[in-house]
Amino acid sequence: MDKPSGSAPLRVGVLGASSIARRRTLPALRECPDTTVAAIASRDRKKADDFAADFGCAAVQGYERLIEREDIDAVYVSLPNALHYPWVRELLTHGKHVLAEKPLTTTPQDTAELVRLAAERRLVLRENIAFVHHGLHRRVAGMVADDRIGELRHVEASFCIPPLPPTDVRYRADLGGGALLDTGIYPVRLAQYFLGDELTVAGSALREGPEAGVDVAGSALLVATAGATAALTFGFEHSYGSTYTLWGSKARLTVDRAFTPPHTMSPVIRIDEQDHAEEIVLPAEHQFANSVASFADAVRRTQATGADPGHAAWAATTVRTAELLARISEAAVRVSGRPACSR
């Protein structure tokens, strides 16, 4: 594979003409300095043509043809979850750096294999969990470290969205659908962000949709080694909610629109004490732009040095996320049918 040097732009291909690619990631890639969207591949020629017209790149019918192109340095994978593992493996085998949509794979074993393969081939592999690249959460972590809320005792995190169209791939078990892998990954990673990777699943519940054949909602209780707990909620049969609360020994800190803030929104950190409340407004940020910029920077550093300096830390957290998701599924009390309506 030809690699850019000096000021040559990073040439990115796109595997899959998905909604999130169109709405979020491709616009961010197009705005990223010294990065260009070179081609997009879809099995549907019309979809590829439509995306290519919108983003000024080449249209490719079929995933294999994009992998074989010599004008691609890195690939953004935006396919249904169950297709991530085989195609990311194929891309790494062909020497491409990869930014994959979350979840990286549907099992911890497959995730660990891809992580090892990327390290062996000295390639950058990242999972596009964009919220961790928003400065809001670094600011919150700094406040916790500075004892602003006292000792962190408990985390509550929720990410719920309204029902999806009946034909959405997230309702298909054969394509790796389900709320746990789609929305549950956010609060799980949030718990890791503030409590560390060494978490135990104390209990969980998943509600399976009678028509869908996948979990459509769920909750989990995690426990950190030091004793702090995390209560997580997720699903796609709710009103929209994307929030977390950190309960400390001195105060409670809350963030709303935590996982998917619009890039024009100024996030607000609210701190509640027994007799006082404070709100801190932060500058707006584009977390998808931050995510792709971080990936592009890692690729350039790896091209310059021959190794990805951020791989080890990223890999440990990513594999642990996959393990926690699997454990939540394994431990879950499963219920089916629609919840009873209260009067």
C-alpha atoms as a PDB file:
ATOM      1  CA  MET A   1       0.000   0.000   0.000  1.00  0.00           C
ATOM      2  CA  ASP A   2       1.277   3.420  -0.921  1.00  0.00           C
ATOM      3  CA  LYS A   3       1.408   5.639   2.151  1.00  0.00           C
ATOM      4  CA  PRO A   4       1.313   9.381   2.248  1.00  0.00           C
ATOM      5  CA  SER A   5       4.376  11.266   3.339  1.00  0.00           C
ATOM      6  CA  GLY A   6       4.976  14.856   4.280  1.00  0.00           C
ATOM      7  CA  SER A   7       1.903  16.939   3.599  1.00  0.00           C
ATOM      8  CA  ALA A   8       0.060  14.360   1.455  1.00  0.00           C
ATOM      9  CA  PRO A   9      -3.520  13.921   2.675  1.00  0.00           C
ATOM     10  CA  LEU A  10      -4.679  10.778   4.426  1.00  0.00           C
ATOM     11  CA  ARG A  11      -6.876   8.985   1.897  1.00  0.00           C
ATOM     12  CA  VAL A  12      -9.906   7.405   3.544  1.00  0.00           C
ATOM     13  CA  GLY A  13     -12.300   4.889   2.037  1.00  0.00           C
ATOM     14  CA  VAL A  14     -15.756   4.163   3.432  1.00  0.00           C
ATOM     15  CA  LEU A  15     -17.223   0.681   3.705  1.00  0.00           C
ATOM     16  CA  GLY A  16     -21.013   0.908   3.953  1.00  0.00           C
ATOM     17  CA  ALA A  17     -23.499   3.625   3.026  1.00  0.00           C
ATOM     18  CA  SER A  18     -25.142   3.992   6.431  1.00  0.00           C
ATOM     19  CA  SER A  19     -27.154   6.782   7.983  1.00  0.00           C
ATOM     20  CA  ILE A  20     -24.512   7.600  10.599  1.00  0.00           C
ATOM     21  CA  ALA A  21     -21.862   7.744   7.882  1.00  0.00           C
ATOM     22  CA  ARG A  22     -23.890  10.284   5.937  1.00  0.00           C
ATOM     23  CA  ARG A  23     -25.048  12.379   8.897  1.00  0.00           C
ATOM     24  CA  ARG A  24     -22.023  12.355  11.162  1.00  0.00           C
ATOM     25  CA  THR A  25     -18.780  10.711  10.156  1.00  0.00           C
ATOM     26  CA  LEU A  26     -18.356  11.635   6.497  1.00  0.00           C
ATOM     27  CA  PRO A  27     -18.983  15.349   7.129  1.00  0.00           C
ATOM     28  CA  ALA A  28     -16.422  15.137   9.950  1.00  0.00           C
ATOM     29  CA  LEU A  29     -13.897  13.386   7.704  1.00  0.00           C
ATOM     30  CA  ARG A  30     -14.419  15.970   4.992  1.00  0.00           C
ATOM     31  CA  GLU A  31     -13.681  18.767   7.484  1.00  0.00           C
ATOM     32  CA  CYS A  32     -10.635  17.048   9.004  1.00  0.00           C
ATOM     33  CA  PRO A  33      -7.392  18.807   7.937  1.00  0.00           C
ATOM     34  CA  ASP A  34      -5.151  16.877   5.534  1.00  0.00           C
ATOM     35  CA  THR A  35      -7.728  14.110   5.178  1.00  0.00           C
ATOM     36  CA  THR A  36      -9.768  13.282   2.098  1.00  0.00           C
ATOM     37  CA  VAL A  37     -12.655  10.899   1.478  1.00  0.00           C
ATOM     38  CA  ALA A  38     -11.390   8.994  -1.562  1.00  0.00           C
ATOM     39  CA  ALA A  39     -14.105   6.401  -2.204  1.00  0.00           C
ATOM     40  CA  ILE A  40     -17.242   4.840  -0.758  1.00  0.00           C
ATOM     41  CA  ALA A  41     -18.293   1.236  -1.269  1.00  0.00           C
ATOM     42  CA  SER A  42     -21.768  -0.227  -1.085  1.00  0.00           C
ATOM     43  CA  ARG A  43     -23.306  -3.410  -2.428  1.00  0.00           C
ATOM     44  CA  ASP A  44     -26.037  -1.142  -3.789  1.00  0.00           C
ATOM     45  CA  ARG A  45     -24.638   0.818  -6.745  1.00  0.00           C
ATOM     46  CA  LYS A  46     -27.235   3.586  -6.435  1.00  0.00           C
ATOM     47  CA  LYS A  47     -26.379   4.151  -2.765  1.00  0.00           C
ATOM     48  CA  ALA A  48     -22.697   4.356  -3.606  1.00  0.00           C
ATOM     49  CA  ASP A  49     -23.395   6.815  -6.427  1.00  0.00           C
ATOM     50  CA  ASP A  50     -25.593   9.005  -4.207  1.00  0.00           C
ATOM     51  CA  PHE A  51     -22.985   9.165  -1.431  1.00  0.00           C
ATOM     52  CA  ALA A  52     -20.195   9.814  -3.924  1.00  0.00           C
ATOM     53  CA  ALA A  53     -22.122  12.705  -5.460  1.00  0.00           C
ATOM     54  CA  ASP A  54     -22.737  14.241  -2.042  1.00  0.00           C
ATOM     55  CA  PHE A  55     -19.154  13.915  -0.803  1.00  0.00           C
ATOM     56  CA  GLY A  56     -17.150  14.306  -3.999  1.00  0.00           C
ATOM     57  CA  CYS A  57     -15.504  10.895  -4.024  1.00  0.00           C
ATOM     58  CA  ALA A  58     -15.416   7.743  -6.124  1.00  0.00           C
ATOM     59  CA  ALA A  59     -18.295   5.256  -5.989  1.00  0.00           C
ATOM     60  CA  VAL A  60     -17.450   1.567  -5.662  1.00  0.00           C
ATOM     61  CA  GLN A  61     -19.890  -1.327  -5.922  1.00  0.00           C
ATOM     62  CA  GLY A  62     -18.794  -4.163  -3.658  1.00  0.00           C
ATOM     63  CA  TYR A  63     -16.611  -4.118  -0.567  1.00  0.00           C
ATOM     64  CA  GLU A  64     -13.805  -6.203  -2.087  1.00  0.00           C
ATOM     65  CA  ARG A  65     -13.158  -3.648  -4.813  1.00  0.00           C
ATOM     66  CA  LEU A  66     -12.579  -0.885  -2.255  1.00  0.00           C
ATOM     67  CA  ILE A  67     -10.134  -3.038  -0.299  1.00  0.00           C
ATOM     68  CA  GLU A  68      -8.112  -3.641  -3.461  1.00  0.00           C
ATOM     69  CA  ARG A  69      -7.739   0.058  -4.311  1.00  0.00           C
ATOM     70  CA  GLU A  70      -4.225   1.471  -4.071  1.00  0.00           C
ATOM     71  CA  ASP A  71      -5.427   5.021  -3.388  1.00  0.00           C
ATOM     72  CA  ILE A  72      -6.807   4.150   0.077  1.00  0.00           C
ATOM     73  CA  ASP A  73      -4.699   4.448   3.249  1.00  0.00           C
ATOM     74  CA  ALA A  74      -7.430   3.936   5.841  1.00  0.00           C
ATOM     75  CA  VAL A  75     -11.033   2.747   5.879  1.00  0.00           C
ATOM     76  CA  TYR A  76     -14.043   3.782   7.935  1.00  0.00           C
ATOM     77  CA  VAL A  77     -16.312   0.747   8.449  1.00  0.00           C
ATOM     78  CA  SER A  78     -20.004   1.514   8.824  1.00  0.00           C
ATOM     79  CA  LEU A  79     -21.650  -1.867   8.284  1.00  0.00           C
ATOM     80  CA  PRO A  80     -24.163  -3.833  10.389  1.00  0.00           C
ATOM     81  CA  ASN A  81     -22.526  -5.082  13.589  1.00  0.00           C
ATOM     82  CA  ALA A  82     -22.203  -8.728  12.560  1.00  0.00           C
ATOM     83  CA  LEU A  83     -20.218  -7.728   9.464  1.00  0.00           C
ATOM     84  CA  HIS A  84     -17.596  -5.721  11.348  1.00  0.00           C
ATOM     85  CA  TYR A  85     -15.366  -8.643  12.307  1.00  0.00           C
ATOM     86  CA  PRO A  86     -14.901 -10.289   8.878  1.00  0.00           C
ATOM     87  CA  TRP A  87     -14.441  -7.041   6.986  1.00  0.00           C
ATOM     88  CA  VAL A  88     -12.174  -5.341   9.531  1.00  0.00           C
ATOM     89  CA  ARG A  89     -10.042  -8.494   9.555  1.00  0.00           C
ATOM     90  CA  GLU A  90      -9.901  -8.400   5.756  1.00  0.00           C
ATOM     91  CA  LEU A  91      -8.905  -4.732   5.778  1.00  0.00           C
ATOM     92  CA  LEU A  92      -6.137  -5.263   8.327  1.00  0.00           C
ATOM     93  CA  THR A  93      -4.868  -8.248   6.356  1.00  0.00           C
ATOM     94  CA  HIS A  94      -4.609  -5.982   3.312  1.00  0.00           C
ATOM     95  CA  GLY A  95      -2.652  -3.352   5.236  1.00  0.00           C
ATOM     96  CA  LYS A  96      -5.363  -0.744   5.781  1.00  0.00           C
ATOM     97  CA  HIS A  97      -5.768   1.308   8.944  1.00  0.00           C
ATOM     98  CA  VAL A  98      -9.340   1.024  10.244  1.00  0.00           C
ATOM     99  CA  LEU A  99     -11.841   3.207  12.070  1.00  0.00           C
ATOM    100  CA  ALA A 100     -14.854   0.971  12.776  1.00  0.00           C
ATOM    101  CA  GLU A 101     -18.250   1.952  14.057  1.00  0.00           C
ATOM    102  CA  LYS A 102     -19.144   0.667  17.482  1.00  0.00           C
ATOM    103  CA  PRO A 103     -19.250  -2.074  18.526  1.00  0.00           C
ATOM    104  CA  LEU A 104     -15.973  -3.173  16.991  1.00  0.00           C
ATOM    105  CA  THR A 105     -17.325  -6.746  16.932  1.00  0.00           C
ATOM    106  CA  THR A 106     -20.145  -8.672  18.583  1.00  0.00           C
ATOM    107  CA  THR A 107     -17.938 -10.883  20.806  1.00  0.00           C
ATOM    108  CA  PRO A 108     -14.921 -10.303  23.055  1.00  0.00           C
ATOM    109  CA  GLN A 109     -13.043 -13.111  21.296  1.00  0.00           C
ATOM    110  CA  ASP A 110     -13.383 -11.450  17.889  1.00  0.00           C
ATOM    111  CA  THR A 111     -12.482  -8.071  19.366  1.00  0.00           C
ATOM    112  CA  ALA A 112      -9.317  -9.482  20.945  1.00  0.00           C
ATOM    113  CA  GLU A 113      -8.340 -11.141  17.650  1.00  0.00           C
ATOM    114  CA  LEU A 114      -8.638  -7.895  15.680  1.00  0.00           C
ATOM    115  CA  VAL A 115      -6.696  -6.012  18.346  1.00  0.00           C
ATOM    116  CA  ARG A 116      -3.872  -8.562  18.104  1.00  0.00           C
ATOM    117  CA  LEU A 117      -3.889  -8.476  14.311  1.00  0.00           C
ATOM    118  CA  ALA A 118      -3.640  -4.676  14.222  1.00  0.00           C
ATOM    119  CA  ALA A 119      -0.681  -4.753  16.615  1.00  0.00           C
ATOM    120  CA  GLU A 120       1.076  -7.491  14.646  1.00  0.00           C
ATOM    121  CA  ARG A 121       0.700  -5.603  11.383  1.00  0.00           C
ATOM    122  CA  ARG A 122       1.556  -2.220  12.957  1.00  0.00           C
ATOM    123  CA  LEU A 123      -1.742  -0.695  11.881  1.00  0.00           C
ATOM    124  CA  VAL A 124      -4.098   1.702  13.621  1.00  0.00           C
ATOM    125  CA  LEU A 125      -7.434   0.232  14.663  1.00  0.00           C
ATOM    126  CA  ARG A 126     -10.023   2.305  16.506  1.00  0.00           C
ATOM    127  CA  GLU A 127     -13.677   1.991  17.495  1.00  0.00           C
ATOM    128  CA  ASN A 128     -15.715   5.108  16.738  1.00  0.00           C
ATOM    129  CA  ILE A 129     -17.188   5.820  20.179  1.00  0.00           C
ATOM    130  CA  ALA A 130     -17.261   9.536  19.594  1.00  0.00           C
ATOM    131  CA  PHE A 131     -18.379  10.810  22.997  1.00  0.00           C
ATOM    132  CA  VAL A 132     -15.061   9.955  24.669  1.00  0.00           C
ATOM    133  CA  HIS A 133     -13.443  12.566  22.411  1.00  0.00           C
ATOM    134  CA  HIS A 134     -15.614  15.424  23.716  1.00  0.00           C
ATOM    135  CA  GLY A 135     -13.757  17.711  26.107  1.00  0.00           C
ATOM    136  CA  LEU A 136     -16.801  17.795  28.385  1.00  0.00           C
ATOM    137  CA  HIS A 137     -15.935  14.437  29.926  1.00  0.00           C
ATOM    138  CA  ARG A 138     -12.276  15.321  30.444  1.00  0.00           C
ATOM    139  CA  ARG A 139     -13.473  18.409  32.303  1.00  0.00           C
ATOM    140  CA  VAL A 140     -15.771  16.301  34.477  1.00  0.00           C
ATOM    141  CA  ALA A 141     -12.971  13.818  35.173  1.00  0.00           C
ATOM    142  CA  GLY A 142     -10.744  16.702  36.213  1.00  0.00           C
ATOM    143  CA  MET A 143     -13.392  17.967  38.619  1.00  0.00           C
ATOM    144  CA  VAL A 144     -13.727  14.516  40.161  1.00  0.00           C
ATOM    145  CA  ALA A 145      -9.940  14.267  40.511  1.00  0.00           C
ATOM    146  CA  ASP A 146      -9.919  17.705  42.171  1.00  0.00           C
ATOM    147  CA  ASP A 147     -12.397  16.471  44.813  1.00  0.00           C
ATOM    148  CA  ARG A 148     -15.201  18.748  43.596  1.00  0.00           C
ATOM    149  CA  ILE A 149     -17.863  16.169  44.490  1.00  0.00           C
ATOM    150  CA  GLY A 150     -15.882  14.262  47.094  1.00  0.00           C
ATOM    151  CA  GLU A 151     -15.323  10.530  46.815  1.00  0.00           C
ATOM    152  CA  LEU A 152     -17.114   9.054  43.813  1.00  0.00           C
ATOM    153  CA  ARG A 153     -19.600   6.535  45.191  1.00  0.00           C
ATOM    154  CA  HIS A 154     -22.049   5.812  42.373  1.00  0.00           C
ATOM    155  CA  VAL A 155     -22.561   6.373  38.638  1.00  0.00           C
ATOM    156  CA  GLU A 156     -25.921   6.442  36.881  1.00  0.00           C
ATOM    157  CA  ALA A 157     -25.863   6.489  33.080  1.00  0.00           C
ATOM    158  CA  SER A 158     -28.645   6.130  30.534  1.00  0.00           C
ATOM    159  CA  PHE A 159     -28.923   6.173  26.775  1.00  0.00           C
ATOM    160  CA  CYS A 160     -32.386   5.527  25.397  1.00  0.00           C
ATOM    161  CA  ILE A 161     -33.945   6.394  22.048  1.00  0.00           C
ATOM    162  CA  PRO A 162     -37.422   6.100  20.497  1.00  0.00           C
ATOM    163  CA  PRO A 163     -38.466   2.992  18.536  1.00  0.00           C
ATOM    164  CA  LEU A 164     -36.761   2.507  15.192  1.00  0.00           C
ATOM    165  CA  PRO A 165     -38.404   1.813  11.816  1.00  0.00           C
ATOM    166  CA  PRO A 166     -39.456  -1.868  11.666  1.00  0.00           C
ATOM    167  CA  THR A 167     -36.938  -2.619   8.895  1.00  0.00           C
ATOM    168  CA  ASP A 168     -33.952  -1.143  10.768  1.00  0.00           C
ATOM    169  CA  VAL A 169     -30.977  -3.536  10.896  1.00  0.00           C
ATOM    170  CA  ARG A 170     -30.784  -3.067  14.661  1.00  0.00           C
ATOM    171  CA  TYR A 171     -33.879  -5.267  14.944  1.00  0.00           C
ATOM    172  CA  ARG A 172     -32.138  -8.141  13.139  1.00  0.00           C
ATOM    173  CA  ALA A 173     -30.428 -10.724  15.315  1.00  0.00           C
ATOM    174  CA  ASP A 174     -28.536 -12.170  12.330  1.00  0.00           C
ATOM    175  CA  LEU A 175     -26.861  -8.790  11.776  1.00  0.00           C
ATOM    176  CA  GLY A 176     -25.846  -8.275  15.405  1.00  0.00           C
ATOM    177  CA  GLY A 177     -28.773  -6.088  16.383  1.00  0.00           C
ATOM    178  CA  GLY A 178     -30.157  -5.300  19.808  1.00  0.00           C
ATOM    179  CA  ALA A 179     -30.165  -2.440  22.276  1.00  0.00           C
ATOM    180  CA  LEU A 180     -27.257  -3.713  24.368  1.00  0.00           C
ATOM    181  CA  LEU A 181     -24.756  -3.485  21.508  1.00  0.00           C
ATOM    182  CA  ASP A 182     -26.299  -0.341  20.040  1.00  0.00           C
ATOM    183  CA  THR A 183     -27.111   1.961  22.963  1.00  0.00           C
ATOM    184  CA  GLY A 184     -25.859  -0.082  25.925  1.00  0.00           C
ATOM    185  CA  ILE A 185     -22.241   0.302  24.885  1.00  0.00           C
ATOM    186  CA  TYR A 186     -22.379   4.025  25.728  1.00  0.00           C
ATOM    187  CA  PRO A 187     -23.204   3.775  29.457  1.00  0.00           C
ATOM    188  CA  VAL A 188     -20.863   0.792  29.785  1.00  0.00           C
ATOM    189  CA  ARG A 189     -17.958   2.790  28.354  1.00  0.00           C
ATOM    190  CA  LEU A 190     -18.993   5.767  30.511  1.00  0.00           C
ATOM    191  CA  ALA A 191     -18.731   3.578  33.624  1.00  0.00           C
ATOM    192  CA  GLN A 192     -15.254   2.497  32.523  1.00  0.00           C
ATOM    193  CA  TYR A 193     -14.300   6.113  31.885  1.00  0.00           C
ATOM    194  CA  PHE A 194     -14.966   7.134  35.486  1.00  0.00           C
ATOM    195  CA  LEU A 195     -14.547   3.894  37.456  1.00  0.00           C
ATOM    196  CA  GLY A 196     -11.844   2.121  35.454  1.00  0.00           C
ATOM    197  CA  ASP A 197     -11.861  -1.097  33.458  1.00  0.00           C
ATOM    198  CA  GLU A 198     -11.931  -3.480  36.428  1.00  0.00           C
ATOM    199  CA  LEU A 199     -15.699  -3.736  36.764  1.00  0.00           C
ATOM    200  CA  THR A 200     -17.838  -6.715  37.728  1.00  0.00           C
ATOM    201  CA  VAL A 201     -21.379  -7.310  36.485  1.00  0.00           C
ATOM    202  CA  ALA A 202     -23.495  -7.757  39.618  1.00  0.00           C
ATOM    203  CA  GLY A 203     -26.766  -8.186  37.728  1.00  0.00           C
ATOM    204  CA  SER A 204     -28.611  -7.316  34.549  1.00  0.00           C
ATOM    205  CA  ALA A 205     -31.951  -7.558  32.779  1.00  0.00           C
ATOM    206  CA  LEU A 206     -32.826  -7.519  29.083  1.00  0.00           C
ATOM    207  CA  ARG A 207     -36.260  -7.134  27.551  1.00  0.00           C
ATOM    208  CA  GLU A 208     -36.710  -8.894  24.243  1.00  0.00           C
ATOM    209  CA  GLY A 209     -39.104  -7.492  21.683  1.00  0.00           C
ATOM    210  CA  PRO A 210     -41.717 -10.052  20.647  1.00  0.00           C
ATOM    211  CA  GLU A 211     -41.497  -9.073  16.986  1.00  0.00           C
ATOM    212  CA  ALA A 212     -37.828  -8.179  16.695  1.00  0.00           C
ATOM    213  CA  GLY A 213     -36.091 -11.217  18.158  1.00  0.00           C
ATOM    214  CA  VAL A 214     -33.473  -9.001  19.817  1.00  0.00           C
ATOM    215  CA  ASP A 215     -33.195  -7.176  23.119  1.00  0.00           C
ATOM    216  CA  VAL A 216     -34.871  -3.778  22.885  1.00  0.00           C
ATOM    217  CA  ALA A 217     -34.150  -2.492  26.396  1.00  0.00           C
ATOM    218  CA  GLY A 218     -32.099  -3.349  29.415  1.00  0.00           C
ATOM    219  CA  SER A 219     -30.296  -2.375  32.577  1.00  0.00           C
ATOM    220  CA  ALA A 220     -27.192  -3.476  34.425  1.00  0.00           C
ATOM    221  CA  LEU A 221     -25.494  -3.000  37.786  1.00  0.00           C
ATOM    222  CA  LEU A 222     -21.697  -2.902  37.780  1.00  0.00           C
ATOM    223  CA  VAL A 223     -19.317  -2.822  40.752  1.00  0.00           C
ATOM    224  CA  ALA A 224     -15.776  -1.421  40.776  1.00  0.00           C
ATOM    225  CA  THR A 225     -12.961  -2.974  42.787  1.00  0.00           C
ATOM    226  CA  ALA A 226     -13.006  -0.066  45.262  1.00  0.00           C
ATOM    227  CA  GLY A 227     -16.735  -0.565  45.887  1.00  0.00           C
ATOM    228  CA  ALA A 228     -18.305   2.184  43.775  1.00  0.00           C
ATOM    229  CA  THR A 229     -21.311   1.081  41.736  1.00  0.00           C
ATOM    230  CA  ALA A 230     -22.785   1.940  38.341  1.00  0.00           C
ATOM    231  CA  ALA A 231     -26.456   1.607  37.359  1.00  0.00           C
ATOM    232  CA  LEU A 232     -26.900   1.602  33.592  1.00  0.00           C
ATOM    233  CA  THR A 233     -30.035   1.861  31.449  1.00  0.00           C
ATOM    234  CA  PHE A 234     -30.382   1.563  27.684  1.00  0.00           C
ATOM    235  CA  GLY A 235     -32.888   0.810  24.972  1.00  0.00           C
ATOM    236  CA  PHE A 236     -34.772   1.863  21.891  1.00  0.00           C
ATOM    237  CA  GLU A 237     -38.381   1.968  22.986  1.00  0.00           C
ATOM    238  CA  HIS A 238     -38.252   5.143  25.075  1.00  0.00           C
ATOM    239  CA  SER A 239     -38.357   8.881  24.822  1.00  0.00           C
ATOM    240  CA  TYR A 240     -34.882  10.191  24.033  1.00  0.00           C
ATOM    241  CA  GLY A 241     -32.514  10.369  26.982  1.00  0.00           C
ATOM    242  CA  SER A 242     -28.718  10.616  27.103  1.00  0.00           C
ATOM    243  CA  THR A 243     -27.483  11.483  30.563  1.00  0.00           C
ATOM    244  CA  TYR A 244     -25.263  10.567  33.475  1.00  0.00           C
ATOM    245  CA  THR A 245     -24.994  11.461  37.144  1.00  0.00           C
ATOM    246  CA  LEU A 246     -21.953  11.046  39.370  1.00  0.00           C
ATOM    247  CA  TRP A 247     -22.876  10.746  43.043  1.00  0.00           C
ATOM    248  CA  GLY A 248     -20.058  11.820  45.325  1.00  0.00           C
ATOM    249  CA  SER A 249     -19.714  12.020  49.089  1.00  0.00           C
ATOM    250  CA  LYS A 250     -20.061  15.838  48.955  1.00  0.00           C
ATOM    251  CA  ALA A 251     -22.091  16.609  45.834  1.00  0.00           C
ATOM    252  CA  ARG A 252     -23.893  15.228  42.797  1.00  0.00           C
ATOM    253  CA  LEU A 253     -22.778  16.054  39.241  1.00  0.00           C
ATOM    254  CA  THR A 254     -25.140  15.689  36.269  1.00  0.00           C
ATOM    255  CA  VAL A 255     -24.634  15.961  32.508  1.00  0.00           C
ATOM    256  CA  ASP A 256     -27.496  15.879  29.993  1.00  0.00           C
ATOM    257  CA  ARG A 257     -27.182  15.141  26.251  1.00  0.00           C
ATOM    258  CA  ALA A 258     -24.035  13.355  27.328  1.00  0.00           C
ATOM    259  CA  PHE A 259     -23.484  10.923  24.467  1.00  0.00           C
ATOM    260  CA  THR A 260     -24.863  12.675  21.382  1.00  0.00           C
ATOM    261  CA  PRO A 261     -24.671  16.443  21.860  1.00  0.00           C
ATOM    262  CA  PRO A 262     -25.180  18.508  18.697  1.00  0.00           C
ATOM    263  CA  HIS A 263     -21.902  20.097  17.647  1.00  0.00           C
ATOM    264  CA  THR A 264     -23.458  23.536  18.182  1.00  0.00           C
ATOM    265  CA  MET A 265     -24.599  22.796  21.746  1.00  0.00           C
ATOM    266  CA  SER A 266     -22.754  24.246  24.729  1.00  0.00           C
ATOM    267  CA  PRO A 267     -22.818  21.418  27.293  1.00  0.00           C
ATOM    268  CA  VAL A 268     -23.777  22.137  30.875  1.00  0.00           C
ATOM    269  CA  ILE A 269     -22.342  20.505  33.990  1.00  0.00           C
ATOM    270  CA  ARG A 270     -24.700  20.784  36.956  1.00  0.00           C
ATOM    271  CA  ILE A 271     -23.411  20.301  40.495  1.00  0.00           C
ATOM    272  CA  ASP A 272     -25.913  19.892  43.325  1.00  0.00           C
ATOM    273  CA  GLU A 273     -24.921  20.134  46.960  1.00  0.00           C
ATOM    274  CA  GLN A 274     -27.250  20.013  49.939  1.00  0.00           C
ATOM    275  CA  ASP A 275     -27.984  23.740  49.924  1.00  0.00           C
ATOM    276  CA  HIS A 276     -26.418  24.933  46.681  1.00  0.00           C
ATOM    277  CA  ALA A 277     -26.578  24.294  42.926  1.00  0.00           C
ATOM    278  CA  GLU A 278     -24.134  25.429  40.275  1.00  0.00           C
ATOM    279  CA  GLU A 279     -24.144  25.186  36.486  1.00  0.00           C
ATOM    280  CA  ILE A 280     -20.977  25.353  34.411  1.00  0.00           C
ATOM    281  CA  VAL A 281     -21.369  26.017  30.685  1.00  0.00           C
ATOM    282  CA  LEU A 282     -18.631  24.735  28.386  1.00  0.00           C
ATOM    283  CA  PRO A 283     -17.822  25.595  24.763  1.00  0.00           C
ATOM    284  CA  ALA A 284     -19.515  23.589  22.026  1.00  0.00           C
ATOM    285  CA  GLU A 285     -17.429  20.842  20.415  1.00  0.00           C
ATOM    286  CA  HIS A 286     -17.847  18.515  17.447  1.00  0.00           C
ATOM    287  CA  GLN A 287     -17.155  15.108  18.957  1.00  0.00           C
ATOM    288  CA  PHE A 288     -17.283  13.278  15.613  1.00  0.00           C
ATOM    289  CA  ALA A 289     -14.717  15.691  14.198  1.00  0.00           C
ATOM    290  CA  ASN A 290     -12.583  15.108  17.299  1.00  0.00           C
ATOM    291  CA  SER A 291     -12.886  11.338  16.885  1.00  0.00           C
ATOM    292  CA  VAL A 292     -11.814  11.248  13.236  1.00  0.00           C
ATOM    293  CA  ALA A 293      -9.042  13.780  13.904  1.00  0.00           C
ATOM    294  CA  SER A 294      -7.706  11.562  16.693  1.00  0.00           C
ATOM    295  CA  PHE A 295      -7.769   8.567  14.349  1.00  0.00           C
ATOM    296  CA  ALA A 296      -6.037  10.470  11.551  1.00  0.00           C
ATOM    297  CA  ASP A 297      -3.356  11.710  13.954  1.00  0.00           C
ATOM    298  CA  ALA A 298      -2.739   8.151  15.179  1.00  0.00           C
ATOM    299  CA  VAL A 299      -2.344   6.962  11.575  1.00  0.00           C
ATOM    300  CA  ARG A 300       0.175   9.689  10.777  1.00  0.00           C
ATOM    301  CA  ARG A 301       2.168   8.979  13.932  1.00  0.00           C
ATOM    302  CA  THR A 302       2.197   5.287  13.084  1.00  0.00           C
ATOM    303  CA  GLN A 303       3.326   5.984   9.528  1.00  0.00           C
ATOM    304  CA  ALA A 304       6.148   8.115  10.918  1.00  0.00           C
ATOM    305  CA  THR A 305       7.310   5.770  13.692  1.00  0.00           C
ATOM    306  CA  GLY A 306       6.242   2.300  12.557  1.00  0.00           C
ATOM    307  CA  ALA A 307       4.051   1.630  15.603  1.00  0.00           C
ATOM    308  CA  ASP A 308       0.813   2.971  17.070  1.00  0.00           C
ATOM    309  CA  PRO A 309       1.746   4.584  20.415  1.00  0.00           C
ATOM    310  CA  GLY A 310      -1.866   4.657  21.585  1.00  0.00           C
ATOM    311  CA  HIS A 311      -2.695   1.048  20.762  1.00  0.00           C
ATOM    312  CA  ALA A 312      -2.071  -0.641  24.116  1.00  0.00           C
ATOM    313  CA  ALA A 313      -4.273   1.620  26.250  1.00  0.00           C
ATOM    314  CA  TRP A 314      -7.043   1.739  23.652  1.00  0.00           C
ATOM    315  CA  ALA A 315      -6.949  -2.032  23.147  1.00  0.00           C
ATOM    316  CA  ALA A 316      -7.205  -2.851  26.855  1.00  0.00           C
ATOM    317  CA  THR A 317     -10.283  -0.671  27.317  1.00  0.00           C
ATOM    318  CA  THR A 318     -11.931  -1.844  24.086  1.00  0.00           C
ATOM    319  CA  VAL A 319     -11.513  -5.537  24.853  1.00  0.00           C
ATOM    320  CA  ARG A 320     -12.806  -4.944  28.375  1.00  0.00           C
ATOM    321  CA  THR A 321     -15.885  -3.180  26.989  1.00  0.00           C
ATOM    322  CA  ALA A 322     -16.598  -6.213  24.807  1.00  0.00           C
ATOM    323  CA  GLU A 323     -16.165  -8.520  27.805  1.00  0.00           C
ATOM    324  CA  LEU A 324     -18.551  -6.456  29.931  1.00  0.00           C
ATOM    325  CA  LEU A 325     -21.190  -6.389  27.187  1.00  0.00           C
ATOM    326  CA  ALA A 326     -20.938 -10.164  26.849  1.00  0.00           C
ATOM    327  CA  ARG A 327     -21.171 -10.646  30.608  1.00  0.00           C
ATOM    328  CA  ILE A 328     -24.241  -8.376  30.832  1.00  0.00           C
ATOM    329  CA  SER A 329     -25.898 -10.529  28.180  1.00  0.00           C
ATOM    330  CA  GLU A 330     -24.894 -13.810  29.833  1.00  0.00           C
ATOM    331  CA  ALA A 331     -26.033 -12.752  33.312  1.00  0.00           C
ATOM    332  CA  ALA A 332     -29.303 -11.152  32.233  1.00  0.00           C
ATOM    333  CA  VAL A 333     -32.738 -12.007  33.472  1.00  0.00           C
ATOM    334  CA  ARG A 334     -34.656 -12.003  30.194  1.00  0.00           C
ATOM    335  CA  VAL A 335     -38.234 -10.883  29.868  1.00  0.00           C
ATOM    336  CA  SER A 336     -40.409 -10.654  26.797  1.00  0.00           C
ATOM    337  CA  GLY A 337     -43.588  -8.897  25.777  1.00  0.00           C
ATOM    338  CA  ARG A 338     -44.525  -5.301  26.305  1.00  0.00           C
ATOM    339  CA  PRO A 339     -44.233  -3.778  29.792  1.00  0.00           C
ATOM    340  CA  ALA A 340     -47.486  -3.316  31.656  1.00  0.00           C
ATOM    341  CA  CYS A 341     -48.880   0.206  31.612  1.00  0.00           C
ATOM    342  CA  SER A 342     -49.419   1.850  34.961  1.00  0.00           C
ATOM    343  CA  ARG A 343     -52.729   3.563  35.594  1.00  0.00           C
END
